[in-house]
Amino acid sequence: MALGRELPQLLKQRLLYKGRKFNFEVNRLRLPNKAEGDWECVRHPGGALAIPVTQYGKLILLRQYRFAVGGRLLEFPVQVR
C-alpha cells in the first residue's frame, strides 16, 4: 500500500439503533498513527437523486420540513430505497 494510504483498523463495532431506513453505530478505530477513537456512523441503504432542470435551465427544488433542524430546507427531490 502506498505511503500515507494506510487504513484505520476496526477494533469494535456497536450497533446503537437499527431502523427501517438507517442504522446508527459507533466504531472504535485505531488510526495508522496508533491513535484510537470512537467514530459515529449512519448506515443507509442509499438513494437516488434526480436534479430536475426546466427547459429554461432553471433547477427545481422542494421546500421540505425537517424535524432535525426545526424548519424547512430547500432540497432536490430524492428517492430513498
Protein backbone atom coordinates (compact mmCIF):
# COMPACT_ATOMS: atom_id res chain seq x y z
CA MET A 1 0.00 0.00 0.00
CA ALA A 2 1.31 3.47 -0.85
CA LEU A 3 2.73 5.62 1.93
CA GLY A 4 0.01 7.70 3.59
CA ARG A 5 -2.74 5.39 2.34
CA GLU A 6 -2.95 3.11 5.37
CA LEU A 7 -6.48 2.37 6.56
CA PRO A 8 -7.72 2.55 10.15
CA GLN A 9 -8.18 -0.75 11.97
CA LEU A 10 -11.68 -1.54 13.27
CA LEU A 11 -11.37 -2.57 16.92
CA LYS A 12 -15.00 -2.67 17.99
CA GLN A 13 -18.37 -2.01 16.38
CA ARG A 14 -21.53 -1.25 18.39
CA LEU A 15 -24.95 -1.04 16.78
CA LEU A 16 -26.89 1.53 18.80
CA TYR A 17 -30.00 1.76 16.65
CA LYS A 18 -31.48 -0.41 13.91
CA GLY A 19 -34.30 1.21 12.00
CA ARG A 20 -36.30 0.72 8.83
CA LYS A 21 -34.36 3.33 6.85
CA PHE A 22 -31.00 3.55 8.60
CA ASN A 23 -28.78 2.10 11.33
CA PHE A 24 -26.59 4.05 13.75
CA GLU A 25 -23.34 2.59 15.01
CA VAL A 26 -20.26 3.65 16.94
CA ASN A 27 -16.96 2.25 15.76
CA ARG A 28 -13.75 2.14 17.77
CA LEU A 29 -10.85 2.65 15.35
CA ARG A 30 -7.07 2.62 15.58
CA LEU A 31 -5.56 5.07 13.13
CA PRO A 32 -2.29 4.44 11.27
CA ASN A 33 -0.55 6.77 13.77
CA LYS A 34 -1.75 4.39 16.56
CA ALA A 35 -4.26 6.89 17.99
CA GLU A 36 -7.62 5.36 18.94
CA GLY A 37 -11.05 6.92 18.99
CA ASP A 38 -14.77 6.42 18.51
CA TRP A 39 -16.44 7.42 15.24
CA GLU A 40 -20.19 7.54 14.77
CA CYS A 41 -21.63 6.22 11.54
CA VAL A 42 -25.09 6.27 9.99
CA ARG A 43 -25.54 3.35 7.60
CA HIS A 44 -28.13 3.99 4.92
CA PRO A 45 -29.11 1.73 2.03
CA GLY A 46 -28.70 4.56 -0.44
CA GLY A 47 -30.98 6.60 -2.58
CA ALA A 48 -31.30 8.22 -5.95
CA LEU A 49 -31.13 11.91 -6.72
CA ALA A 50 -32.64 13.47 -9.79
CA ILE A 51 -31.81 17.09 -10.50
CA PRO A 52 -34.77 18.43 -12.43
CA VAL A 53 -33.92 21.19 -14.89
CA THR A 54 -36.57 23.15 -16.75
CA GLN A 55 -36.35 23.90 -20.46
CA TYR A 56 -35.02 27.33 -19.43
CA GLY A 57 -32.12 25.86 -17.45
CA LYS A 58 -33.61 26.52 -14.01
CA LEU A 59 -33.29 23.95 -11.22
CA ILE A 60 -36.35 22.73 -9.32
CA LEU A 61 -36.10 22.49 -5.52
CA LEU A 62 -38.63 21.38 -2.93
CA ARG A 63 -39.22 23.09 0.39
CA GLN A 64 -39.20 20.16 2.82
CA TYR A 65 -39.81 20.23 6.58
CA ARG A 66 -37.00 18.56 8.55
CA PHE A 67 -37.56 17.85 12.24
CA ALA A 68 -33.81 17.77 12.99
CA VAL A 69 -33.37 21.42 12.03
CA GLY A 70 -36.78 22.54 13.25
CA GLY A 71 -37.74 24.08 9.95
CA ARG A 72 -37.88 23.78 6.22
CA LEU A 73 -34.94 23.26 3.87
CA LEU A 74 -34.62 23.60 0.12
CA GLU A 75 -33.80 20.19 -1.36
CA PHE A 76 -33.66 18.35 -4.64
CA PRO A 77 -36.25 15.56 -4.90
CA VAL A 78 -34.80 12.27 -3.62
CA GLN A 79 -35.97 8.67 -3.80
CA VAL A 80 -34.86 6.51 -0.86
CA ARG A 81 -34.83 2.74 -1.15
